[in-house]
Every structure is written in C-alpha cells, then in structure tokens.
Amino acid sequence: MAPLRRRRVVGLVIVGDELLDGRTRESNSHYLIERLLRLRGAVGSIRIVGDRHQDIVDAIHDAHRESVAVVVTGGLGPTPDDLTREALAGFVGESLFLDEELAEVLVRRYRRRGREMAETNLRQAYRTPSGRSIPNPRGTAPGLLHLHEGVPILLLPGVPAELRSMWEQTGEGVVAPLVKGGAPRALRLRSAGLPESDAAQLVGEIAAAAPALELAFCVTRFGVDILLRTEDEGLDLGAASRPFVDALGEKLYTIGDGGLPEVLAELLWERGESVAVAESCTGGLLGAELSSVPGSSRYFRGGILAYADEVKRRQLGVEAEDLRLHGAVSAEVAEAMARGARERLESDWALAITGIAGPDGGSEEKPVGTVFVALAGAEGAQHRRLSLPGDRAQNREWSVAAALDLLRRHLLARGSSSPKP
C-alpha cells in the first residue's frame, strides 16, 4: 500500500462535553486559524468531541492520518473526566507515567499561592514516555508534545488564555515550518456598515475581472470581511486589491487583522483626542470594546451606564421633557446622552447608545431592534437610527459596532488617514 500523502494542514481536535451541550462557547479554533493564516498555514479539519476516551482516540487518529500536525485542546485538567492524556497514550500505544519533575513543579506552584495541592492534581503530571511537556505559564496543566510517525501531536489546555500563551511560546514554533506556504496568499479587507449581500454586489464586477483572485466573505462582529486569495505567487496582492479598496471607500476600516477598536484607537492617538461613552441598552459593551486595546487609557476617558431614565437625567443631564415627549429611545435623548457624557467626563468626543435590544419592549412606532447611536463633539451632536433584525445579543453587538464606526467615519472626514493596500 502506498504511503498516505498528508495535506500541509493542521488538524484540530477540541475536547469537552461543555462544548457540545452549550455550557461553553468554543473560541480556540478561531484563534488558531487566525494565527495559522498569518503563517500562510491552514486548518484542514476541526473535530469537537465529548469527554469519552474512545471518541478522543478516534478523533486524534483521523486528524493524524490527514494532517502534518495535530493540535488537541481541552481535557488536561485534574478531574476524572479529563481524559486527553489517556487517549493520546492509547493512540500511540504507550502507558502514561508520573513525571516527578512535573509533579514537583505543580507542588511548588501551589505553595507559592499559599495552598496545599490536592492529590487529584497529580493527574496533570502524567505524560507519555516518548513525549515532552509544554510549560504552562498561565495555569497548572502542562501541555504535551508527542511526535508520532513524524507528525507532532500537541496537547494544550482548553482555557483560552493558557492555550494562547502556550501556542505562542512553544506550539507555533513546532507547527510553523510544517505548514508555512500550505495556504494561498491572502489579504483581508475589513468593512463596517455593509451587509454581506451588499458587499458581494459591490465587488462582484471587480472580482469577475480578476480571475487570479478567489473571494471569500465572512460576517464578523463589526461588519463583513472580504478575503482576497491567490495561488499565483507572482501576483502583487496590494496592487490587485486597489479596485476593491476604492469600491469599498469609507466602509473599509482596515486591511489586515486589526479590529474596529484598534483602528479607532490609532485614529484617536494620532490626533491626541479622547472619547467617553454613555450607554443604555448595550450595558457597558461599548466601553468594554474601547478599553480592550492595550494603552486605551491614553484616549478612553470612561463611561456612564444610564439604564434608568432617572440616571439619564441625574448623571447625564437629559431633560425630563425630552424623555416625556420623545421617549428614552429617541434621537433627542441619544444626542443629549452624548453631550452629557462629553461634558461630565471632559472628553473631546462622546458616543451614546439607547435602544430596544429585545426580545420585548417594542411598539409599532419603535419595534424591537430600534436603536439610536449618537456622537457629540465640540461642534454639536449627530445621530444614526438603526433598525436591527437580530436577537438581543446580536442587536447589542451591532449597536456597538455602529457607534464605533460613527466616530471612525467622522474622524476620517476631518482628515485622518485611511487604510492603504
């Protein structure tokens, strides 16, 4: 029988009952895909399995036979249902043994925290004889690297912060040489305020005139990404992207991997200006996005979470008459909230959101999904009315994206730099 020809891709095996019954949202695969794309690598398959020994063995087996590297996440904790180490040992035909050095590292870590280690934590110090441990600087569960038939199998914790740290310190260096160049060259154009169907129509004719490019569309929290891919190593992707960039215009907020908060942070930094927020239906999500960027204290002043009308009046100075005549969900109140936040928090700009996220609270005049976002600056205030079709969580996320984009476009109109291919 001819040897199996593996694709130059990574196989992901993601372990955990909590991922199958809805207790936890899976995010590690998205992170690993993004990291591999930067290397021009790719994920070939993703398998999500529960905490059952044979299911994990089978998933590792299938990923191993079709990939040049396998990454398994989850199931490395101290409890009896953490079975990933045992499954790997079963797959490679070895027996686990207690690594005394690993056990001592665990004991010392607990002592530094002023705690005695429970006996069950020793499960995390077992490994295969042919494998080597991967240090975990963010948690107690070490990872494991096992080379089987020339294919590295990496076991990493399911906790996102731990996985990311271990991947960047160890995993990426192991996998990168095997997958680099296994995916087409790609350029990501990130847009805001543009539905997916409109994005496809906007660039459709341009794509038809560029047969060397393959297009893919992805809906994100902030809008739509357009991925330009090519197998042609001689093609200048920057030059090929210019017609798409021109067509997107102000809807394009960056080229590459940066998100809308990062782009807005750069615009504010280069101008030396600050922003504050006033939020009602989004409950602090706008402030969370603005403060998610390292160094955000340089431009983000803070926010006022004004859910009740009384808080809008007392903390933001919204007039009782505006609330009575127009309602809390209105252009007048949104602009007043923005002006109040700017004045009280002494910022150059202020964003405000008020709306009906759902599922209840709508009316014929203002149905569920009606949201007003407002921006206030030294020259006054402006607003946008949104009619959002999603559920409560989606409507809140889209409201945040619209508010961020409102400020971004206003800053661009005042002369800040725009993305360049």
Protein backbone atom coordinates (compact mmCIF):
# COMPACT_ATOMS: atom_id res chain seq x y z
CA MET A 1 0.00 0.00 0.00
CA ALA A 2 1.36 3.42 -0.97
CA PRO A 3 2.12 5.73 1.97
CA LEU A 4 -0.60 8.25 2.78
CA ARG A 5 0.11 11.72 1.40
CA ARG A 6 -0.84 14.21 4.09
CA ARG A 7 -2.07 17.67 3.25
CA ARG A 8 0.05 20.53 4.57
CA VAL A 9 -2.60 21.49 7.10
CA VAL A 10 -3.26 21.24 10.84
CA GLY A 11 -5.96 19.01 12.26
CA LEU A 12 -7.75 20.37 15.35
CA VAL A 13 -9.36 18.14 17.96
CA ILE A 14 -11.36 20.07 20.56
CA VAL A 15 -12.42 18.14 23.64
CA GLY A 16 -15.15 18.86 26.15
CA ASP A 17 -18.75 17.93 26.91
CA GLU A 18 -19.38 21.58 27.78
CA LEU A 19 -18.81 22.49 24.13
CA LEU A 20 -21.44 20.03 22.95
CA ASP A 21 -24.18 20.84 25.43
CA GLY A 22 -23.89 24.63 25.16
CA ARG A 23 -22.32 25.44 28.52
CA THR A 24 -19.24 26.96 26.87
CA ARG A 25 -18.75 28.72 23.54
CA GLU A 26 -15.79 27.35 21.61
CA SER A 27 -13.26 30.04 20.64
CA ASN A 28 -9.87 28.33 20.46
CA SER A 29 -10.29 27.17 16.86
CA HIS A 30 -10.89 30.76 15.69
CA TYR A 31 -7.71 31.91 17.42
CA LEU A 32 -5.61 29.06 15.96
CA ILE A 33 -6.99 29.63 12.47
CA GLU A 34 -6.05 33.32 12.65
CA ARG A 35 -2.55 32.52 13.89
CA LEU A 36 -2.00 29.95 11.15
CA LEU A 37 -3.25 32.29 8.44
CA ARG A 38 -0.50 34.72 9.42
CA LEU A 39 1.97 31.94 8.61
CA ARG A 40 0.19 31.11 5.35
CA GLY A 41 -0.85 27.90 7.03
CA ALA A 42 -4.33 26.49 7.32
CA VAL A 43 -6.57 24.26 9.40
CA GLY A 44 -7.72 21.27 7.40
CA SER A 45 -10.31 19.91 9.83
CA ILE A 46 -11.94 20.63 13.17
CA ARG A 47 -13.40 17.85 15.30
CA ILE A 48 -15.29 18.61 18.51
CA VAL A 49 -15.76 15.59 20.75
CA GLY A 50 -17.00 14.96 24.27
CA ASP A 51 -15.13 13.63 27.29
CA ARG A 52 -15.16 10.00 26.15
CA HIS A 53 -11.92 8.08 25.79
CA GLN A 54 -12.62 6.27 22.52
CA ASP A 55 -14.12 9.35 20.85
CA ILE A 56 -10.93 11.29 21.60
CA VAL A 57 -8.75 8.41 20.34
CA ASP A 58 -10.74 8.19 17.10
CA ALA A 59 -10.58 11.97 16.54
CA ILE A 60 -6.79 12.03 17.06
CA HIS A 61 -6.42 9.06 14.69
CA ASP A 62 -8.42 10.73 11.90
CA ALA A 63 -6.68 14.10 12.31
CA HIS A 64 -3.26 12.40 12.39
CA ARG A 65 -3.75 10.48 9.16
CA GLU A 66 -4.71 13.55 7.10
CA SER A 67 -2.56 16.36 8.60
CA VAL A 68 1.08 17.29 9.07
CA ALA A 69 0.38 18.37 12.67
CA VAL A 70 -2.41 17.79 15.20
CA VAL A 71 -3.45 20.18 17.96
CA VAL A 72 -5.72 18.81 20.70
CA THR A 73 -7.26 21.25 23.17
CA GLY A 74 -9.05 20.50 26.44
CA GLY A 75 -9.26 17.53 28.77
CA LEU A 76 -5.96 18.16 30.59
CA GLY A 77 -7.34 19.11 34.00
CA PRO A 78 -7.26 17.22 37.31
CA THR A 79 -10.72 15.62 37.27
CA PRO A 80 -11.68 12.06 36.21
CA ASP A 81 -13.39 13.29 33.03
CA ASP A 82 -10.11 14.87 31.77
CA LEU A 83 -9.09 12.00 29.50
CA THR A 84 -6.99 13.55 26.74
CA ARG A 85 -3.64 12.27 28.05
CA GLU A 86 -5.03 8.74 28.36
CA ALA A 87 -6.48 8.96 24.85
CA LEU A 88 -3.15 10.04 23.37
CA ALA A 89 -1.38 7.20 25.18
CA GLY A 90 -3.94 4.75 23.80
CA PHE A 91 -3.47 6.06 20.28
CA VAL A 92 0.34 5.88 20.28
CA GLY A 93 0.46 2.57 22.20
CA GLU A 94 2.26 3.80 25.31
CA SER A 95 1.46 3.87 29.01
CA LEU A 96 1.40 7.11 30.97
CA PHE A 97 3.89 7.55 33.79
CA LEU A 98 4.20 10.11 36.58
CA ASP A 99 6.87 12.67 35.74
CA GLU A 100 8.33 13.52 39.16
CA GLU A 101 9.80 16.80 37.93
CA LEU A 102 6.41 17.92 36.65
CA ALA A 103 4.82 16.90 39.93
CA GLU A 104 7.33 18.98 41.87
CA VAL A 105 6.65 22.00 39.64
CA LEU A 106 2.95 21.68 40.44
CA VAL A 107 3.57 21.39 44.18
CA ARG A 108 5.80 24.48 44.18
CA ARG A 109 3.25 26.46 42.20
CA TYR A 110 0.51 25.72 44.71
CA ARG A 111 2.79 26.55 47.64
CA ARG A 112 3.62 29.92 46.11
CA ARG A 113 -0.11 30.59 46.17
CA GLY A 114 -0.25 29.63 49.84
CA ARG A 115 -2.20 26.43 49.15
CA GLU A 116 -1.59 22.74 49.52
CA MET A 117 -2.07 20.80 46.30
CA ALA A 118 -4.91 18.27 46.22
CA GLU A 119 -3.84 14.76 45.29
CA THR A 120 -6.03 14.80 42.18
CA ASN A 121 -3.80 17.46 40.63
CA LEU A 122 -1.10 14.84 40.16
CA ARG A 123 -3.08 13.67 37.11
CA GLN A 124 -1.64 16.70 35.34
CA ALA A 125 1.94 15.45 35.86
CA TYR A 126 1.48 12.27 33.82
CA ARG A 127 2.83 12.01 30.29
CA THR A 128 3.82 9.52 27.62
CA PRO A 129 7.44 8.28 27.81
CA SER A 130 8.17 9.49 24.28
CA GLY A 131 6.53 12.86 24.78
CA ARG A 132 7.80 16.03 26.37
CA SER A 133 5.91 18.52 28.47
CA ILE A 134 4.99 22.02 27.28
CA PRO A 135 5.29 24.64 30.05
CA ASN A 136 2.10 26.46 31.02
CA PRO A 137 2.97 29.94 32.33
CA ARG A 138 -0.70 30.86 32.90
CA GLY A 139 -2.07 27.78 34.67
CA THR A 140 -1.34 24.45 36.32
CA ALA A 141 -1.96 21.99 33.48
CA PRO A 142 1.21 21.44 31.40
CA GLY A 143 0.81 20.59 27.74
CA LEU A 144 2.35 17.65 25.95
CA LEU A 145 4.18 17.28 22.64
CA HIS A 146 4.38 13.80 21.16
CA LEU A 147 5.95 13.01 17.77
CA HIS A 148 4.17 10.03 16.22
CA GLU A 149 5.23 8.73 12.80
CA GLY A 150 6.82 12.09 12.12
CA VAL A 151 3.66 14.05 12.93
CA PRO A 152 3.69 16.29 16.02
CA ILE A 153 0.66 15.96 18.27
CA LEU A 154 0.28 18.85 20.71
CA LEU A 155 -1.98 18.63 23.73
CA LEU A 156 -2.93 22.09 25.02
CA PRO A 157 -5.39 23.22 27.73
CA GLY A 158 -8.84 24.37 26.73
CA VAL A 159 -8.66 27.57 28.80
CA PRO A 160 -8.18 30.23 26.08
CA ALA A 161 -5.62 32.37 27.94
CA GLU A 162 -3.48 29.32 28.72
CA LEU A 163 -3.72 27.91 25.20
CA ARG A 164 -2.76 31.21 23.60
CA SER A 165 0.28 31.68 25.79
CA MET A 166 1.50 28.12 25.21
CA TRP A 167 0.85 28.28 21.48
CA GLU A 168 2.81 31.49 21.06
CA GLN A 169 5.70 30.33 23.24
CA THR A 170 6.00 26.74 22.02
CA GLY A 171 3.33 25.40 19.69
CA GLU A 172 3.72 27.83 16.83
CA GLY A 173 7.46 27.17 16.57
CA VAL A 174 6.78 23.44 16.20
CA VAL A 175 4.00 23.72 13.66
CA ALA A 176 5.06 26.72 11.54
CA PRO A 177 7.80 25.01 9.47
CA LEU A 178 5.39 22.21 8.54
CA VAL A 179 2.50 24.33 7.29
CA LYS A 180 4.06 27.57 6.07
CA GLY A 181 3.01 28.18 2.49
CA GLY A 182 0.34 25.50 2.65
CA ALA A 183 -2.41 28.05 2.12
CA PRO A 184 -2.85 30.58 -0.69
CA ARG A 185 -1.56 34.09 -0.12
CA ALA A 186 -4.37 36.20 1.23
CA LEU A 187 -5.30 39.78 2.01
CA ARG A 188 -8.19 40.67 4.31
CA LEU A 189 -10.31 43.77 3.68
CA ARG A 190 -12.43 44.63 6.71
CA SER A 191 -15.59 46.70 6.27
CA ALA A 192 -18.23 48.14 8.60
CA GLY A 193 -21.82 49.19 7.97
CA LEU A 194 -22.15 46.95 4.91
CA PRO A 195 -24.43 43.86 4.78
CA GLU A 196 -22.92 40.71 3.26
CA SER A 197 -25.19 40.76 0.20
CA ASP A 198 -24.34 44.41 -0.47
CA ALA A 199 -20.63 43.66 -0.13
CA ALA A 200 -20.88 40.83 -2.66
CA GLN A 201 -22.76 43.04 -5.12
CA LEU A 202 -20.36 45.95 -4.63
CA VAL A 203 -17.26 43.96 -5.56
CA GLY A 204 -18.84 41.40 -7.90
CA GLU A 205 -17.88 43.03 -11.19
CA ILE A 206 -14.37 43.74 -9.95
CA ALA A 207 -13.94 40.09 -8.98
CA ALA A 208 -15.13 38.92 -12.40
CA ALA A 209 -12.32 40.95 -13.98
CA ALA A 210 -9.68 39.41 -11.68
CA PRO A 211 -9.70 35.63 -12.38
CA ALA A 212 -6.46 35.09 -10.45
CA LEU A 213 -8.24 36.09 -7.24
CA GLU A 214 -10.58 33.96 -5.19
CA LEU A 215 -13.01 35.86 -2.94
CA ALA A 216 -14.48 34.77 0.37
CA PHE A 217 -16.88 36.71 2.62
CA CYS A 218 -17.13 36.47 6.38
CA VAL A 219 -19.61 38.23 8.67
CA THR A 220 -17.88 39.50 11.83
CA ARG A 221 -18.96 41.40 14.93
CA PHE A 222 -18.09 44.68 13.23
CA GLY A 223 -19.20 44.11 9.64
CA VAL A 224 -18.08 42.00 6.69
CA ASP A 225 -14.57 40.82 5.85
CA ILE A 226 -13.64 40.23 2.21
CA LEU A 227 -10.75 37.81 1.84
CA LEU A 228 -8.75 38.02 -1.39
CA ARG A 229 -6.79 34.81 -2.04
CA THR A 230 -4.47 33.73 -4.83
CA GLU A 231 -2.33 30.74 -5.77
CA ASP A 232 -0.31 32.95 -8.12
CA GLU A 233 2.97 33.63 -6.32
CA GLY A 234 3.86 36.37 -8.79
CA LEU A 235 0.70 38.40 -8.30
CA ASP A 236 1.05 41.71 -6.46
CA LEU A 237 -1.81 41.40 -3.98
CA GLY A 238 -1.55 45.01 -2.92
CA ALA A 239 -1.98 46.24 -6.48
CA ALA A 240 -4.72 43.69 -7.19
CA SER A 241 -6.65 44.85 -4.12
CA ARG A 242 -6.79 48.54 -5.08
CA PRO A 243 -10.02 48.35 -7.14
CA PHE A 244 -11.70 46.60 -4.19
CA VAL A 245 -10.37 49.21 -1.77
CA ASP A 246 -11.65 52.02 -3.98
CA ALA A 247 -15.08 50.39 -4.29
CA LEU A 248 -15.44 49.96 -0.53
CA GLY A 249 -14.45 53.56 0.15
CA GLU A 250 -15.18 54.75 3.69
CA LYS A 251 -16.79 51.41 4.52
CA LEU A 252 -13.30 49.87 4.59
CA TYR A 253 -11.88 50.33 8.06
CA THR A 254 -8.63 48.37 7.79
CA ILE A 255 -6.59 46.00 5.67
CA GLY A 256 -5.26 43.05 7.64
CA ASP A 257 -6.14 41.66 11.05
CA GLY A 258 -6.88 44.71 13.19
CA GLY A 259 -10.37 45.16 14.60
CA LEU A 260 -12.51 48.29 14.67
CA PRO A 261 -11.50 49.22 18.27
CA GLU A 262 -7.82 49.07 17.30
CA VAL A 263 -8.38 51.21 14.22
CA LEU A 264 -10.31 53.79 16.22
CA ALA A 265 -7.62 53.80 18.89
CA GLU A 266 -4.98 54.63 16.27
CA LEU A 267 -7.09 57.47 14.86
CA LEU A 268 -7.58 58.98 18.32
CA TRP A 269 -3.91 58.54 19.27
CA GLU A 270 -2.63 60.28 16.15
CA ARG A 271 -4.94 63.23 16.84
CA GLY A 272 -4.27 63.33 20.59
CA GLU A 273 -8.02 63.22 21.29
CA SER A 274 -10.21 61.38 23.79
CA VAL A 275 -13.61 59.71 23.87
CA ALA A 276 -16.20 58.89 26.53
CA VAL A 277 -19.41 56.86 26.36
CA ALA A 278 -22.96 56.84 27.68
CA GLU A 279 -24.78 53.53 27.35
CA SER A 280 -28.26 52.25 27.97
CA CYS A 281 -29.29 49.05 26.09
CA THR A 282 -25.70 47.88 25.50
CA GLY A 283 -25.00 47.71 29.23
CA GLY A 284 -21.28 48.57 29.07
CA LEU A 285 -20.31 46.68 25.90
CA LEU A 286 -19.21 49.86 24.10
CA GLY A 287 -16.88 50.83 26.93
CA ALA A 288 -15.55 47.28 27.04
CA GLU A 289 -14.59 47.42 23.35
CA LEU A 290 -12.91 50.80 23.65
CA SER A 291 -10.93 49.69 26.70
CA SER A 292 -9.95 46.33 25.18
CA VAL A 293 -6.97 47.85 23.37
CA PRO A 294 -3.71 47.97 25.35
CA GLY A 295 -2.91 51.58 26.23
CA SER A 296 -6.56 52.64 25.94
CA SER A 297 -6.18 54.95 28.95
CA ARG A 298 -4.46 57.34 26.52
CA TYR A 299 -7.73 58.05 24.74
CA PHE A 300 -10.66 56.48 26.65
CA ARG A 301 -11.95 58.67 29.48
CA GLY A 302 -14.64 56.34 30.79
CA GLY A 303 -18.38 55.89 30.62
CA ILE A 304 -21.74 56.29 32.29
CA LEU A 305 -24.09 53.31 32.27
CA ALA A 306 -27.50 55.00 32.31
CA TYR A 307 -30.17 52.35 32.04
CA ALA A 308 -32.93 54.03 34.07
CA ASP A 309 -34.46 57.32 32.99
CA GLU A 310 -33.63 58.80 36.39
CA VAL A 311 -29.93 58.03 35.82
CA LYS A 312 -30.11 59.62 32.38
CA ARG A 313 -31.48 62.78 33.99
CA ARG A 314 -29.20 62.98 37.03
CA GLN A 315 -25.93 61.68 35.60
CA LEU A 316 -26.15 62.90 32.00
CA GLY A 317 -28.40 65.93 32.23
CA VAL A 318 -31.07 64.58 29.87
CA GLU A 319 -34.12 66.84 30.13
CA ALA A 320 -37.24 65.28 31.65
CA GLU A 321 -39.26 66.96 28.90
CA ASP A 322 -37.26 65.16 26.17
CA LEU A 323 -37.87 61.85 27.92
CA ARG A 324 -41.58 62.59 28.21
CA LEU A 325 -42.09 63.88 24.66
CA HIS A 326 -39.76 61.59 22.72
CA GLY A 327 -39.10 58.61 24.97
CA ALA A 328 -35.81 57.18 26.18
CA VAL A 329 -35.27 55.54 22.77
CA SER A 330 -35.08 58.59 20.55
CA ALA A 331 -32.67 60.76 18.63
CA GLU A 332 -33.15 63.62 21.08
CA VAL A 333 -32.25 61.53 24.12
CA ALA A 334 -29.32 59.80 22.39
CA GLU A 335 -27.79 63.16 21.47
CA ALA A 336 -28.42 64.54 24.96
CA MET A 337 -26.73 61.48 26.48
CA ALA A 338 -23.69 62.01 24.25
CA ARG A 339 -23.46 65.70 25.11
CA GLY A 340 -23.82 64.92 28.82
CA ALA A 341 -21.07 62.28 28.75
CA ARG A 342 -18.71 64.60 26.86
CA GLU A 343 -19.29 67.42 29.35
CA ARG A 344 -19.13 65.39 32.55
CA LEU A 345 -16.17 63.23 31.54
CA GLU A 346 -14.32 66.11 29.86
CA SER A 347 -13.59 64.33 26.60
CA ASP A 348 -13.17 65.56 23.03
CA TRP A 349 -15.80 63.13 21.78
CA ALA A 350 -18.59 61.10 23.33
CA LEU A 351 -20.66 58.22 21.97
CA ALA A 352 -24.10 57.26 23.24
CA ILE A 353 -26.40 54.29 22.63
CA THR A 354 -30.06 53.91 23.56
CA GLY A 355 -32.43 51.35 22.09
CA ILE A 356 -34.71 48.33 22.32
CA ALA A 357 -32.47 45.27 22.12
CA GLY A 358 -35.35 42.83 22.68
CA PRO A 359 -36.92 40.42 22.87
CA ASP A 360 -39.63 42.59 24.50
CA GLY A 361 -40.32 46.29 24.79
CA GLY A 362 -41.04 47.23 21.19
CA SER A 363 -44.02 49.08 19.74
CA GLU A 364 -45.44 49.73 16.29
CA GLU A 365 -43.58 53.04 16.12
CA LYS A 366 -40.37 51.67 17.64
CA PRO A 367 -40.15 47.91 17.14
CA VAL A 368 -37.56 45.66 18.73
CA GLY A 369 -34.20 46.42 17.14
CA THR A 370 -34.75 50.19 17.07
CA VAL A 371 -31.52 51.76 18.31
CA PHE A 372 -30.14 55.30 18.24
CA VAL A 373 -26.40 55.90 18.36
CA ALA A 374 -25.13 59.44 18.80
CA LEU A 375 -21.82 61.29 18.63
CA ALA A 376 -21.08 64.59 20.36
CA GLY A 377 -18.11 66.86 19.77
CA ALA A 378 -17.20 70.50 20.14
CA GLU A 379 -19.37 71.40 17.13
CA GLY A 380 -22.51 69.67 18.38
CA ALA A 381 -24.15 66.27 18.18
CA GLN A 382 -25.39 63.92 15.46
CA HIS A 383 -27.14 60.56 15.46
CA ARG A 384 -27.98 57.46 13.44
CA ARG A 385 -31.16 55.42 13.73
CA LEU A 386 -30.70 51.65 13.34
CA SER A 387 -33.32 49.01 12.60
CA LEU A 388 -31.63 45.79 13.63
CA PRO A 389 -33.04 42.33 12.81
CA GLY A 390 -31.16 40.17 15.32
CA ASP A 391 -31.77 38.73 18.75
CA ARG A 392 -30.85 40.62 21.92
CA ALA A 393 -27.16 39.67 21.87
CA GLN A 394 -26.75 40.43 18.16
CA ASN A 395 -28.56 43.75 18.41
CA ARG A 396 -26.32 44.86 21.25
CA GLU A 397 -23.16 43.88 19.36
CA TRP A 398 -24.28 45.58 16.15
CA SER A 399 -25.18 48.73 18.08
CA VAL A 400 -21.66 48.87 19.49
CA ALA A 401 -20.17 48.38 16.02
CA ALA A 402 -22.35 51.17 14.61
CA ALA A 403 -21.29 53.56 17.36
CA LEU A 404 -17.60 52.86 16.87
CA ASP A 405 -17.97 53.25 13.12
CA LEU A 406 -19.84 56.54 13.51
CA LEU A 407 -16.84 58.06 15.29
CA ARG A 408 -14.36 56.45 12.88
CA ARG A 409 -16.06 57.92 9.82
CA HIS A 410 -16.35 61.33 11.45
CA LEU A 411 -12.63 61.37 12.24
CA LEU A 412 -11.79 60.31 8.67
CA ALA A 413 -13.97 63.09 7.29
CA ARG A 414 -11.91 65.53 9.35
CA GLY A 415 -8.70 64.47 7.64
CA SER A 416 -7.28 61.40 9.43
CA SER A 417 -5.51 58.74 7.39
CA SER A 418 -7.37 55.96 5.57
CA PRO A 419 -6.28 52.33 5.04
CA LYS A 420 -3.69 51.67 2.36
CA PRO A 421 -3.20 48.37 0.49
